[in-house]
Amino acid sequence: MSKEDVDFLVTDSICMFGTDSLYIPGVMAMTHPRAIGTFQKILGQCVRGKGLLTLEKAIHKKTGLPALWYGLEGKGFIAQDKDAVLVIFDPDTTDQQCTYSQPILPNKGVNYVFVRGRK
């Protein structure tokens, strides 16, 4: 796809963000950079870099919207009795660092990730 097509699609109201890449430490010798960097790339390039989306809209397109669309009970929103995964990040610096030659570099600007209340 062209960059123009991607820019158009990310702004569509029913577009959701996800990745089809997988990384399993110790099992896979090589992976695609999108296994680690998809969501931070969206924030760094589509939100901050190009201004295609607000931060809030981008986060909704990768959390609440997919949870609603696929009927994932308890997912996608921060509220009582919800099973949230929280990512604490700096919206001014967050971005993908990984490349094809270094596909598992940590993302920039991500401070903490909490799953089931644990870091």
PDB file of N, CA and C in Angstrom:
ATOM      1  N   MET A   1       0.842  -1.193   0.000  1.00  0.00           N
ATOM      2  CA  MET A   1       0.000   0.000   0.000  1.00  0.00           C
ATOM      3  C   MET A   1       0.877   1.242   0.000  1.00  0.00           C
ATOM      4  N   SER A   2       0.367   2.280  -0.571  1.00  0.00           N
ATOM      5  CA  SER A   2       1.104   3.540  -0.558  1.00  0.00           C
ATOM      6  C   SER A   2       0.921   4.222   0.797  1.00  0.00           C
ATOM      7  N   LYS A   3       1.818   5.130   1.123  1.00  0.00           N
ATOM      8  CA  LYS A   3       1.703   5.879   2.381  1.00  0.00           C
ATOM      9  C   LYS A   3       0.429   6.712   2.396  1.00  0.00           C
ATOM     10  N   GLU A   4       0.020   7.208   1.242  1.00  0.00           N
ATOM     11  CA  GLU A   4      -1.217   7.987   1.148  1.00  0.00           C
ATOM     12  C   GLU A   4      -2.430   7.126   1.490  1.00  0.00           C
ATOM     13  N   ASP A   5      -2.435   5.870   0.999  1.00  0.00           N
ATOM     14  CA  ASP A   5      -3.532   4.946   1.315  1.00  0.00           C
ATOM     15  C   ASP A   5      -3.586   4.670   2.812  1.00  0.00           C
ATOM     16  N   VAL A   6      -2.425   4.430   3.403  1.00  0.00           N
ATOM     17  CA  VAL A   6      -2.375   4.157   4.841  1.00  0.00           C
ATOM     18  C   VAL A   6      -2.874   5.370   5.613  1.00  0.00           C
ATOM     19  N   ASP A   7      -2.424   6.558   5.253  1.00  0.00           N
ATOM     20  CA  ASP A   7      -2.878   7.777   5.932  1.00  0.00           C
ATOM     21  C   ASP A   7      -4.390   7.937   5.837  1.00  0.00           C
ATOM     22  N   PHE A   8      -4.948   7.622   4.686  1.00  0.00           N
ATOM     23  CA  PHE A   8      -6.397   7.710   4.508  1.00  0.00           C
ATOM     24  C   PHE A   8      -7.116   6.709   5.408  1.00  0.00           C
ATOM     25  N   LEU A   9      -6.634   5.478   5.417  1.00  0.00           N
ATOM     26  CA  LEU A   9      -7.302   4.423   6.178  1.00  0.00           C
ATOM     27  C   LEU A   9      -7.246   4.640   7.682  1.00  0.00           C
ATOM     28  N   VAL A  10      -6.124   5.117   8.210  1.00  0.00           N
ATOM     29  CA  VAL A  10      -6.042   5.282   9.670  1.00  0.00           C
ATOM     30  C   VAL A  10      -7.036   6.301  10.183  1.00  0.00           C
ATOM     31  N   THR A  11      -7.500   7.196   9.335  1.00  0.00           N
ATOM     32  CA  THR A  11      -8.466   8.202   9.778  1.00  0.00           C
ATOM     33  C   THR A  11      -9.917   7.745   9.637  1.00  0.00           C
ATOM     34  N   ASP A  12     -10.145   6.615   8.968  1.00  0.00           N
ATOM     35  CA  ASP A  12     -11.505   6.117   8.784  1.00  0.00           C
ATOM     36  C   ASP A  12     -12.102   5.731  10.135  1.00  0.00           C
ATOM     37  N   SER A  13     -13.384   6.018  10.320  1.00  0.00           N
ATOM     38  CA  SER A  13     -14.023   5.815  11.623  1.00  0.00           C
ATOM     39  C   SER A  13     -14.085   4.353  12.057  1.00  0.00           C
ATOM     40  N   ILE A  14     -14.050   3.406  11.123  1.00  0.00           N
ATOM     41  CA  ILE A  14     -14.108   2.005  11.523  1.00  0.00           C
ATOM     42  C   ILE A  14     -12.745   1.308  11.469  1.00  0.00           C
ATOM     43  N   CYS A  15     -11.689   2.052  11.170  1.00  0.00           N
ATOM     44  CA  CYS A  15     -10.347   1.476  11.158  1.00  0.00           C
ATOM     45  C   CYS A  15      -9.878   1.219  12.587  1.00  0.00           C
ATOM     46  N   MET A  16      -9.399   0.010  12.828  1.00  0.00           N
ATOM     47  CA  MET A  16      -8.823  -0.363  14.121  1.00  0.00           C
ATOM     48  C   MET A  16      -7.368  -0.740  13.883  1.00  0.00           C
ATOM     49  N   PHE A  17      -6.566  -0.639  14.924  1.00  0.00           N
ATOM     50  CA  PHE A  17      -5.151  -0.959  14.790  1.00  0.00           C
ATOM     51  C   PHE A  17      -4.839  -2.293  15.448  1.00  0.00           C
ATOM     52  N   GLY A  18      -4.006  -3.063  14.783  1.00  0.00           N
ATOM     53  CA  GLY A  18      -3.568  -4.343  15.307  1.00  0.00           C
ATOM     54  C   GLY A  18      -2.316  -4.779  14.567  1.00  0.00           C
ATOM     55  N   THR A  19      -1.830  -5.952  14.898  1.00  0.00           N
ATOM     56  CA  THR A  19      -0.674  -6.505  14.200  1.00  0.00           C
ATOM     57  C   THR A  19      -0.858  -8.003  14.039  1.00  0.00           C
ATOM     58  N   ASP A  20      -0.301  -8.535  12.977  1.00  0.00           N
ATOM     59  CA  ASP A  20      -0.356  -9.973  12.749  1.00  0.00           C
ATOM     60  C   ASP A  20       1.000 -10.615  12.996  1.00  0.00           C
ATOM     61  N   SER A  21       1.890  -9.889  13.618  1.00  0.00           N
ATOM     62  CA  SER A  21       3.229 -10.394  13.860  1.00  0.00           C
ATOM     63  C   SER A  21       3.327 -10.998  15.252  1.00  0.00           C
ATOM     64  N   LEU A  22       4.273 -11.900  15.413  1.00  0.00           N
ATOM     65  CA  LEU A  22       4.431 -12.621  16.664  1.00  0.00           C
ATOM     66  C   LEU A  22       5.903 -12.705  17.021  1.00  0.00           C
ATOM     67  N   TYR A  23       6.207 -12.517  18.277  1.00  0.00           N
ATOM     68  CA  TYR A  23       7.566 -12.723  18.772  1.00  0.00           C
ATOM     69  C   TYR A  23       7.493 -13.543  20.042  1.00  0.00           C
ATOM     70  N   ILE A  24       8.209 -14.666  20.059  1.00  0.00           N
ATOM     71  CA  ILE A  24       8.286 -15.508  21.241  1.00  0.00           C
ATOM     72  C   ILE A  24       9.762 -15.598  21.621  1.00  0.00           C
ATOM     73  N   PRO A  25      10.166 -14.942  22.714  1.00  0.00           N
ATOM     74  CA  PRO A  25      11.586 -14.966  23.103  1.00  0.00           C
ATOM     75  C   PRO A  25      12.128 -16.394  23.206  1.00  0.00           C
ATOM     76  N   GLY A  26      13.293 -16.608  22.609  1.00  0.00           N
ATOM     77  CA  GLY A  26      13.942 -17.902  22.664  1.00  0.00           C
ATOM     78  C   GLY A  26      13.432 -18.917  21.663  1.00  0.00           C
ATOM     79  N   VAL A  27      12.335 -18.617  20.997  1.00  0.00           N
ATOM     80  CA  VAL A  27      11.766 -19.560  20.040  1.00  0.00           C
ATOM     81  C   VAL A  27      12.001 -19.090  18.611  1.00  0.00           C
ATOM     82  N   MET A  28      11.828 -17.813  18.401  1.00  0.00           N
ATOM     83  CA  MET A  28      11.961 -17.282  17.048  1.00  0.00           C
ATOM     84  C   MET A  28      13.251 -16.473  16.938  1.00  0.00           C
ATOM     85  N   ALA A  29      14.080 -16.835  15.974  1.00  0.00           N
ATOM     86  CA  ALA A  29      15.344 -16.132  15.793  1.00  0.00           C
ATOM     87  C   ALA A  29      15.147 -14.760  15.160  1.00  0.00           C
ATOM     88  N   MET A  30      14.136 -14.618  14.345  1.00  0.00           N
ATOM     89  CA  MET A  30      13.905 -13.351  13.646  1.00  0.00           C
ATOM     90  C   MET A  30      12.415 -13.057  13.662  1.00  0.00           C
ATOM     91  N   THR A  31      12.092 -11.809  13.744  1.00  0.00           N
ATOM     92  CA  THR A  31      10.693 -11.404  13.716  1.00  0.00           C
ATOM     93  C   THR A  31      10.577 -10.106  12.942  1.00  0.00           C
ATOM     94  N   HIS A  32       9.384  -9.689  12.671  1.00  0.00           N
ATOM     95  CA  HIS A  32       9.117  -8.433  11.969  1.00  0.00           C
ATOM     96  C   HIS A  32       9.071  -7.310  13.000  1.00  0.00           C
ATOM     97  N   PRO A  33       9.552  -6.109  12.661  1.00  0.00           N
ATOM     98  CA  PRO A  33       9.516  -4.995  13.626  1.00  0.00           C
ATOM     99  C   PRO A  33       8.121  -4.674  14.150  1.00  0.00           C
ATOM    100  N   ARG A  34       7.094  -4.998  13.396  1.00  0.00           N
ATOM    101  CA  ARG A  34       5.748  -4.682  13.862  1.00  0.00           C
ATOM    102  C   ARG A  34       5.324  -5.524  15.063  1.00  0.00           C
ATOM    103  N   ALA A  35       6.046  -6.617  15.351  1.00  0.00           N
ATOM    104  CA  ALA A  35       5.731  -7.414  16.533  1.00  0.00           C
ATOM    105  C   ALA A  35       5.932  -6.593  17.805  1.00  0.00           C
ATOM    106  N   ILE A  36       6.867  -5.697  17.783  1.00  0.00           N
ATOM    107  CA  ILE A  36       7.197  -4.885  18.951  1.00  0.00           C
ATOM    108  C   ILE A  36       6.690  -3.450  18.806  1.00  0.00           C
ATOM    109  N   GLY A  37       6.719  -2.899  17.588  1.00  0.00           N
ATOM    110  CA  GLY A  37       6.548  -1.469  17.431  1.00  0.00           C
ATOM    111  C   GLY A  37       5.290  -0.918  16.800  1.00  0.00           C
ATOM    112  N   THR A  38       4.332  -1.753  16.438  1.00  0.00           N
ATOM    113  CA  THR A  38       3.153  -1.269  15.713  1.00  0.00           C
ATOM    114  C   THR A  38       2.454  -0.112  16.412  1.00  0.00           C
ATOM    115  N   PHE A  39       2.087  -0.305  17.665  1.00  0.00           N
ATOM    116  CA  PHE A  39       1.249   0.685  18.342  1.00  0.00           C
ATOM    117  C   PHE A  39       2.007   1.971  18.636  1.00  0.00           C
ATOM    118  N   GLN A  40       3.280   1.860  18.980  1.00  0.00           N
ATOM    119  CA  GLN A  40       4.061   3.067  19.233  1.00  0.00           C
ATOM    120  C   GLN A  40       4.348   3.814  17.926  1.00  0.00           C
ATOM    121  N   LYS A  41       4.479   3.083  16.828  1.00  0.00           N
ATOM    122  CA  LYS A  41       4.678   3.726  15.525  1.00  0.00           C
ATOM    123  C   LYS A  41       3.461   4.574  15.167  1.00  0.00           C
ATOM    124  N   ILE A  42       2.279   4.071  15.446  1.00  0.00           N
ATOM    125  CA  ILE A  42       1.050   4.831  15.179  1.00  0.00           C
ATOM    126  C   ILE A  42       1.053   6.129  15.982  1.00  0.00           C
ATOM    127  N   LEU A  43       1.412   6.026  17.263  1.00  0.00           N
ATOM    128  CA  LEU A  43       1.434   7.235  18.096  1.00  0.00           C
ATOM    129  C   LEU A  43       2.516   8.203  17.639  1.00  0.00           C
ATOM    130  N   GLY A  44       3.687   7.690  17.328  1.00  0.00           N
ATOM    131  CA  GLY A  44       4.787   8.564  16.915  1.00  0.00           C
ATOM    132  C   GLY A  44       4.592   9.180  15.545  1.00  0.00           C
ATOM    133  N   GLN A  45       4.113   8.398  14.592  1.00  0.00           N
ATOM    134  CA  GLN A  45       4.014   8.895  13.220  1.00  0.00           C
ATOM    135  C   GLN A  45       2.644   9.476  12.872  1.00  0.00           C
ATOM    136  N   CYS A  46       1.578   8.751  13.181  1.00  0.00           N
ATOM    137  CA  CYS A  46       0.242   9.201  12.770  1.00  0.00           C
ATOM    138  C   CYS A  46      -0.325  10.289  13.675  1.00  0.00           C
ATOM    139  N   VAL A  47       0.005  10.227  14.958  1.00  0.00           N
ATOM    140  CA  VAL A  47      -0.513  11.231  15.894  1.00  0.00           C
ATOM    141  C   VAL A  47       0.432  12.421  15.966  1.00  0.00           C
ATOM    142  N   ARG A  48       1.621  12.190  16.464  1.00  0.00           N
ATOM    143  CA  ARG A  48       2.547  13.297  16.680  1.00  0.00           C
ATOM    144  C   ARG A  48       3.181  13.796  15.385  1.00  0.00           C
ATOM    145  N   GLY A  49       3.621  12.882  14.531  1.00  0.00           N
ATOM    146  CA  GLY A  49       4.336  13.275  13.318  1.00  0.00           C
ATOM    147  C   GLY A  49       3.473  13.936  12.256  1.00  0.00           C
ATOM    148  N   LYS A  50       2.351  13.302  11.911  1.00  0.00           N
ATOM    149  CA  LYS A  50       1.515  13.794  10.818  1.00  0.00           C
ATOM    150  C   LYS A  50       0.235  14.470  11.286  1.00  0.00           C
ATOM    151  N   GLY A  51      -0.122  14.307  12.547  1.00  0.00           N
ATOM    152  CA  GLY A  51      -1.352  14.916  13.058  1.00  0.00           C
ATOM    153  C   GLY A  51      -2.621  14.363  12.438  1.00  0.00           C
ATOM    154  N   LEU A  52      -2.597  13.097  12.028  1.00  0.00           N
ATOM    155  CA  LEU A  52      -3.770  12.492  11.391  1.00  0.00           C
ATOM    156  C   LEU A  52      -4.878  12.175  12.388  1.00  0.00           C
ATOM    157  N   LEU A  53      -4.499  11.908  13.633  1.00  0.00           N
ATOM    158  CA  LEU A  53      -5.445  11.531  14.678  1.00  0.00           C
ATOM    159  C   LEU A  53      -5.072  12.225  15.977  1.00  0.00           C
ATOM    160  N   THR A  54      -6.054  12.397  16.835  1.00  0.00           N
ATOM    161  CA  THR A  54      -5.733  12.836  18.192  1.00  0.00           C
ATOM    162  C   THR A  54      -5.175  11.640  18.955  1.00  0.00           C
ATOM    163  N   LEU A  55      -4.478  11.895  20.018  1.00  0.00           N
ATOM    164  CA  LEU A  55      -3.957  10.833  20.861  1.00  0.00           C
ATOM    165  C   LEU A  55      -5.094   9.953  21.368  1.00  0.00           C
ATOM    166  N   GLU A  56      -6.168  10.591  21.809  1.00  0.00           N
ATOM    167  CA  GLU A  56      -7.311   9.850  22.346  1.00  0.00           C
ATOM    168  C   GLU A  56      -7.943   8.939  21.297  1.00  0.00           C
ATOM    169  N   LYS A  57      -8.084   9.438  20.079  1.00  0.00           N
ATOM    170  CA  LYS A  57      -8.685   8.639  18.993  1.00  0.00           C
ATOM    171  C   LYS A  57      -7.785   7.457  18.642  1.00  0.00           C
ATOM    172  N   ALA A  58      -6.491   7.677  18.586  1.00  0.00           N
ATOM    173  CA  ALA A  58      -5.561   6.586  18.269  1.00  0.00           C
ATOM    174  C   ALA A  58      -5.609   5.500  19.340  1.00  0.00           C
ATOM    175  N   ILE A  59      -5.646   5.899  20.595  1.00  0.00           N
ATOM    176  CA  ILE A  59      -5.711   4.917  21.680  1.00  0.00           C
ATOM    177  C   ILE A  59      -7.028   4.142  21.610  1.00  0.00           C
ATOM    178  N   HIS A  60      -8.122   4.827  21.323  1.00  0.00           N
ATOM    179  CA  HIS A  60      -9.413   4.150  21.199  1.00  0.00           C
ATOM    180  C   HIS A  60      -9.398   3.134  20.057  1.00  0.00           C
ATOM    181  N   LYS A  61      -8.730   3.467  18.959  1.00  0.00           N
ATOM    182  CA  LYS A  61      -8.686   2.584  17.798  1.00  0.00           C
ATOM    183  C   LYS A  61      -7.853   1.325  18.052  1.00  0.00           C
ATOM    184  N   LYS A  62      -7.060   1.318  19.117  1.00  0.00           N
ATOM    185  CA  LYS A  62      -6.290   0.111  19.421  1.00  0.00           C
ATOM    186  C   LYS A  62      -6.683  -0.534  20.740  1.00  0.00           C
ATOM    187  N   THR A  63      -7.711   0.001  21.402  1.00  0.00           N
ATOM    188  CA  THR A  63      -8.153  -0.567  22.677  1.00  0.00           C
ATOM    189  C   THR A  63      -9.666  -0.780  22.688  1.00  0.00           C
ATOM    190  N   GLY A  64     -10.412   0.278  22.940  1.00  0.00           N
ATOM    191  CA  GLY A  64     -11.863   0.168  23.086  1.00  0.00           C
ATOM    192  C   GLY A  64     -12.592  -0.252  21.831  1.00  0.00           C
ATOM    193  N   LEU A  65     -12.233   0.292  20.685  1.00  0.00           N
ATOM    194  CA  LEU A  65     -12.934  -0.048  19.443  1.00  0.00           C
ATOM    195  C   LEU A  65     -12.803  -1.534  19.094  1.00  0.00           C
ATOM    196  N   PRO A  66     -11.605  -2.115  19.114  1.00  0.00           N
ATOM    197  CA  PRO A  66     -11.526  -3.560  18.854  1.00  0.00           C
ATOM    198  C   PRO A  66     -12.267  -4.393  19.906  1.00  0.00           C
ATOM    199  N   ALA A  67     -12.207  -3.971  21.170  1.00  0.00           N
ATOM    200  CA  ALA A  67     -12.919  -4.711  22.224  1.00  0.00           C
ATOM    201  C   ALA A  67     -14.422  -4.711  21.965  1.00  0.00           C
ATOM    202  N   LEU A  68     -14.962  -3.565  21.572  1.00  0.00           N
ATOM    203  CA  LEU A  68     -16.389  -3.488  21.253  1.00  0.00           C
ATOM    204  C   LEU A  68     -16.723  -4.303  20.007  1.00  0.00           C
ATOM    205  N   TRP A  69     -15.941  -4.151  18.969  1.00  0.00           N
ATOM    206  CA  TRP A  69     -16.201  -4.804  17.689  1.00  0.00           C
ATOM    207  C   TRP A  69     -16.201  -6.326  17.826  1.00  0.00           C
ATOM    208  N   TYR A  70     -15.231  -6.851  18.594  1.00  0.00           N
ATOM    209  CA  TYR A  70     -15.098  -8.300  18.735  1.00  0.00           C
ATOM    210  C   TYR A  70     -15.771  -8.862  19.986  1.00  0.00           C
ATOM    211  N   GLY A  71     -16.475  -8.022  20.732  1.00  0.00           N
ATOM    212  CA  GLY A  71     -17.201  -8.487  21.902  1.00  0.00           C
ATOM    213  C   GLY A  71     -16.314  -9.007  23.013  1.00  0.00           C
ATOM    214  N   LEU A  72     -15.183  -8.357  23.226  1.00  0.00           N
ATOM    215  CA  LEU A  72     -14.238  -8.791  24.255  1.00  0.00           C
ATOM    216  C   LEU A  72     -14.653  -8.208  25.603  1.00  0.00           C
ATOM    217  N   GLU A  73     -15.448  -8.955  26.328  1.00  0.00           N
ATOM    218  CA  GLU A  73     -15.969  -8.510  27.619  1.00  0.00           C
ATOM    219  C   GLU A  73     -14.830  -8.159  28.578  1.00  0.00           C
ATOM    220  N   GLY A  74     -14.954  -7.016  29.222  1.00  0.00           N
ATOM    221  CA  GLY A  74     -13.987  -6.610  30.224  1.00  0.00           C
ATOM    222  C   GLY A  74     -12.701  -6.035  29.670  1.00  0.00           C
ATOM    223  N   LYS A  75     -12.583  -5.890  28.377  1.00  0.00           N
ATOM    224  CA  LYS A  75     -11.346  -5.401  27.744  1.00  0.00           C
ATOM    225  C   LYS A  75     -11.571  -4.038  27.100  1.00  0.00           C
ATOM    226  N   GLY A  76     -10.476  -3.315  26.892  1.00  0.00           N
ATOM    227  CA  GLY A  76     -10.505  -2.115  26.082  1.00  0.00           C
ATOM    228  C   GLY A  76     -10.794  -0.805  26.784  1.00  0.00           C
ATOM    229  N   PHE A  77     -11.213  -0.862  28.052  1.00  0.00           N
ATOM    230  CA  PHE A  77     -11.560   0.359  28.773  1.00  0.00           C
ATOM    231  C   PHE A  77     -11.035   0.274  30.206  1.00  0.00           C
ATOM    232  N   ILE A  78     -10.740   1.422  30.770  1.00  0.00           N
ATOM    233  CA  ILE A  78     -10.316   1.478  32.164  1.00  0.00           C
ATOM    234  C   ILE A  78     -11.538   1.818  33.001  1.00  0.00           C
ATOM    235  N   ALA A  79     -11.982   0.853  33.798  1.00  0.00           N
ATOM    236  CA  ALA A  79     -13.148   1.043  34.664  1.00  0.00           C
ATOM    237  C   ALA A  79     -13.183  -0.091  35.676  1.00  0.00           C
ATOM    238  N   GLN A  80     -13.981   0.103  36.701  1.00  0.00           N
ATOM    239  CA  GLN A  80     -14.137  -0.940  37.707  1.00  0.00           C
ATOM    240  C   GLN A  80     -14.626  -2.223  37.046  1.00  0.00           C
ATOM    241  N   ASP A  81     -14.061  -3.342  37.476  1.00  0.00           N
ATOM    242  CA  ASP A  81     -14.400  -4.675  36.966  1.00  0.00           C
ATOM    243  C   ASP A  81     -13.959  -4.917  35.522  1.00  0.00           C
ATOM    244  N   LYS A  82     -13.075  -4.082  35.011  1.00  0.00           N
ATOM    245  CA  LYS A  82     -12.511  -4.312  33.680  1.00  0.00           C
ATOM    246  C   LYS A  82     -11.105  -4.894  33.842  1.00  0.00           C
ATOM    247  N   ASP A  83     -10.705  -5.727  32.919  1.00  0.00           N
ATOM    248  CA  ASP A  83      -9.408  -6.391  32.947  1.00  0.00           C
ATOM    249  C   ASP A  83      -8.438  -5.611  32.055  1.00  0.00           C
ATOM    250  N   ALA A  84      -7.950  -4.505  32.563  1.00  0.00           N
ATOM    251  CA  ALA A  84      -7.142  -3.605  31.744  1.00  0.00           C
ATOM    252  C   ALA A  84      -5.665  -3.986  31.749  1.00  0.00           C
ATOM    253  N   VAL A  85      -5.039  -3.792  30.600  1.00  0.00           N
ATOM    254  CA  VAL A  85      -3.590  -3.770  30.488  1.00  0.00           C
ATOM    255  C   VAL A  85      -3.252  -2.300  30.333  1.00  0.00           C
ATOM    256  N   LEU A  86      -2.455  -1.773  31.245  1.00  0.00           N
ATOM    257  CA  LEU A  86      -2.135  -0.350  31.218  1.00  0.00           C
ATOM    258  C   LEU A  86      -0.710  -0.137  30.731  1.00  0.00           C
ATOM    259  N   VAL A  87      -0.552   0.755  29.782  1.00  0.00           N
ATOM    260  CA  VAL A  87       0.763   1.138  29.282  1.00  0.00           C
ATOM    261  C   VAL A  87       0.952   2.605  29.632  1.00  0.00           C
ATOM    262  N   ILE A  88       1.949   2.876  30.449  1.00  0.00           N
ATOM    263  CA  ILE A  88       2.259   4.250  30.849  1.00  0.00           C
ATOM    264  C   ILE A  88       3.367   4.739  29.920  1.00  0.00           C
ATOM    265  N   PHE A  89       3.074   5.788  29.164  1.00  0.00           N
ATOM    266  CA  PHE A  89       4.034   6.258  28.163  1.00  0.00           C
ATOM    267  C   PHE A  89       4.040   7.776  28.106  1.00  0.00           C
ATOM    268  N   ASP A  90       5.092   8.309  27.507  1.00  0.00           N
ATOM    269  CA  ASP A  90       5.231   9.747  27.297  1.00  0.00           C
ATOM    270  C   ASP A  90       4.755  10.063  25.875  1.00  0.00           C
ATOM    271  N   PRO A  91       3.621  10.735  25.715  1.00  0.00           N
ATOM    272  CA  PRO A  91       3.095  10.991  24.376  1.00  0.00           C
ATOM    273  C   PRO A  91       3.982  11.903  23.524  1.00  0.00           C
ATOM    274  N   ASP A  92       4.906  12.620  24.171  1.00  0.00           N
ATOM    275  CA  ASP A  92       5.795  13.509  23.421  1.00  0.00           C
ATOM    276  C   ASP A  92       7.004  12.790  22.840  1.00  0.00           C
ATOM    277  N   THR A  93       7.306  11.594  23.323  1.00  0.00           N
ATOM    278  CA  THR A  93       8.506  10.893  22.839  1.00  0.00           C
ATOM    279  C   THR A  93       8.246   9.485  22.336  1.00  0.00           C
ATOM    280  N   THR A  94       7.079   8.939  22.603  1.00  0.00           N
ATOM    281  CA  THR A  94       6.835   7.540  22.253  1.00  0.00           C
ATOM    282  C   THR A  94       6.939   7.314  20.748  1.00  0.00           C
ATOM    283  N   ASP A  95       7.623   6.242  20.382  1.00  0.00           N
ATOM    284  CA  ASP A  95       7.779   5.875  18.972  1.00  0.00           C
ATOM    285  C   ASP A  95       8.430   4.504  18.889  1.00  0.00           C
ATOM    286  N   GLN A  96       8.357   3.935  17.725  1.00  0.00           N
ATOM    287  CA  GLN A  96       9.003   2.654  17.441  1.00  0.00           C
ATOM    288  C   GLN A  96      10.493   2.877  17.233  1.00  0.00           C
ATOM    289  N   GLN A  97      11.326   2.006  17.794  1.00  0.00           N
ATOM    290  CA  GLN A  97      12.767   2.031  17.538  1.00  0.00           C
ATOM    291  C   GLN A  97      13.202   0.858  16.676  1.00  0.00           C
ATOM    292  N   CYS A  98      12.430  -0.229  16.686  1.00  0.00           N
ATOM    293  CA  CYS A  98      12.857  -1.449  16.021  1.00  0.00           C
ATOM    294  C   CYS A  98      12.925  -1.266  14.500  1.00  0.00           C
ATOM    295  N   THR A  99      13.800  -2.055  13.911  1.00  0.00           N
ATOM    296  CA  THR A  99      14.022  -2.041  12.462  1.00  0.00           C
ATOM    297  C   THR A  99      14.052  -3.483  11.975  1.00  0.00           C
ATOM    298  N   TYR A 100      14.191  -3.675  10.678  1.00  0.00           N
ATOM    299  CA  TYR A 100      14.296  -5.032  10.158  1.00  0.00           C
ATOM    300  C   TYR A 100      15.564  -5.721  10.656  1.00  0.00           C
ATOM    301  N   SER A 101      16.649  -4.975  10.808  1.00  0.00           N
ATOM    302  CA  SER A 101      17.891  -5.589  11.292  1.00  0.00           C
ATOM    303  C   SER A 101      17.927  -5.719  12.816  1.00  0.00           C
ATOM    304  N   GLN A 102      17.132  -4.918  13.531  1.00  0.00           N
ATOM    305  CA  GLN A 102      17.033  -4.998  14.988  1.00  0.00           C
ATOM    306  C   GLN A 102      15.552  -4.944  15.379  1.00  0.00           C
ATOM    307  N   PRO A 103      14.833  -6.051  15.176  1.00  0.00           N
ATOM    308  CA  PRO A 103      13.375  -6.034  15.295  1.00  0.00           C
ATOM    309  C   PRO A 103      12.814  -6.058  16.714  1.00  0.00           C
ATOM    310  N   ILE A 104      13.647  -6.261  17.720  1.00  0.00           N
ATOM    311  CA  ILE A 104      13.096  -6.324  19.077  1.00  0.00           C
ATOM    312  C   ILE A 104      13.642  -5.237  19.998  1.00  0.00           C
ATOM    313  N   LEU A 105      14.069  -4.129  19.423  1.00  0.00           N
ATOM    314  CA  LEU A 105      14.468  -2.995  20.251  1.00  0.00           C
ATOM    315  C   LEU A 105      13.248  -2.473  21.003  1.00  0.00           C
ATOM    316  N   PRO A 106      13.414  -2.071  22.247  1.00  0.00           N
ATOM    317  CA  PRO A 106      12.260  -1.549  22.991  1.00  0.00           C
ATOM    318  C   PRO A 106      11.770  -0.231  22.397  1.00  0.00           C
ATOM    319  N   ASN A 107      10.502   0.021  22.554  1.00  0.00           N
ATOM    320  CA  ASN A 107       9.918   1.274  22.074  1.00  0.00           C
ATOM    321  C   ASN A 107      10.385   2.444  22.932  1.00  0.00           C
ATOM    322  N   LYS A 108      10.518   3.593  22.300  1.00  0.00           N
ATOM    323  CA  LYS A 108      10.873   4.809  23.032  1.00  0.00           C
ATOM    324  C   LYS A 108       9.647   5.348  23.757  1.00  0.00           C
ATOM    325  N   GLY A 109       9.873   5.924  24.911  1.00  0.00           N
ATOM    326  CA  GLY A 109       8.818   6.624  25.619  1.00  0.00           C
ATOM    327  C   GLY A 109       7.876   5.758  26.422  1.00  0.00           C
ATOM    328  N   VAL A 110       8.088   4.446  26.454  1.00  0.00           N
ATOM    329  CA  VAL A 110       7.240   3.555  27.247  1.00  0.00           C
ATOM    330  C   VAL A 110       7.903   3.372  28.603  1.00  0.00           C
ATOM    331  N   ASN A 111       7.200   3.805  29.651  1.00  0.00           N
ATOM    332  CA  ASN A 111       7.770   3.756  30.994  1.00  0.00           C
ATOM    333  C   ASN A 111       7.415   2.489  31.757  1.00  0.00           C
ATOM    334  N   TYR A 112       6.153   2.071  31.676  1.00  0.00           N
ATOM    335  CA  TYR A 112       5.686   0.899  32.416  1.00  0.00           C
ATOM    336  C   TYR A 112       4.566   0.212  31.647  1.00  0.00           C
ATOM    337  N   VAL A 113       4.468  -1.098  31.855  1.00  0.00           N
ATOM    338  CA  VAL A 113       3.333  -1.879  31.358  1.00  0.00           C
ATOM    339  C   VAL A 113       2.833  -2.700  32.540  1.00  0.00           C
ATOM    340  N   PHE A 114       1.541  -2.599  32.826  1.00  0.00           N
ATOM    341  CA  PHE A 114       0.908  -3.320  33.915  1.00  0.00           C
ATOM    342  C   PHE A 114      -0.122  -4.289  33.356  1.00  0.00           C
ATOM    343  N   VAL A 115      -0.002  -5.554  33.724  1.00  0.00           N
ATOM    344  CA  VAL A 115      -0.965  -6.581  33.345  1.00  0.00           C
ATOM    345  C   VAL A 115      -1.488  -7.205  34.637  1.00  0.00           C
ATOM    346  N   ARG A 116      -2.792  -7.155  34.802  1.00  0.00           N
ATOM    347  CA  ARG A 116      -3.435  -7.657  36.023  1.00  0.00           C
ATOM    348  C   ARG A 116      -2.837  -7.011  37.275  1.00  0.00           C
ATOM    349  N   GLY A 117      -2.528  -5.734  37.170  1.00  0.00           N
ATOM    350  CA  GLY A 117      -2.031  -4.985  38.313  1.00  0.00           C
ATOM    351  C   GLY A 117      -0.561  -5.167  38.629  1.00  0.00           C
ATOM    352  N   ARG A 118       0.160  -5.901  37.782  1.00  0.00           N
ATOM    353  CA  ARG A 118       1.586  -6.134  38.032  1.00  0.00           C
ATOM    354  C   ARG A 118       2.444  -5.623  36.897  1.00  0.00           C
ATOM    355  N   LYS A 119       3.571  -5.060  37.266  1.00  0.00           N
ATOM    356  CA  LYS A 119       4.511  -4.488  36.314  1.00  0.00           C
ATOM    357  C   LYS A 119       5.335  -5.577  35.657  1.00  0.00           C
TER     358      LYS A 119
END
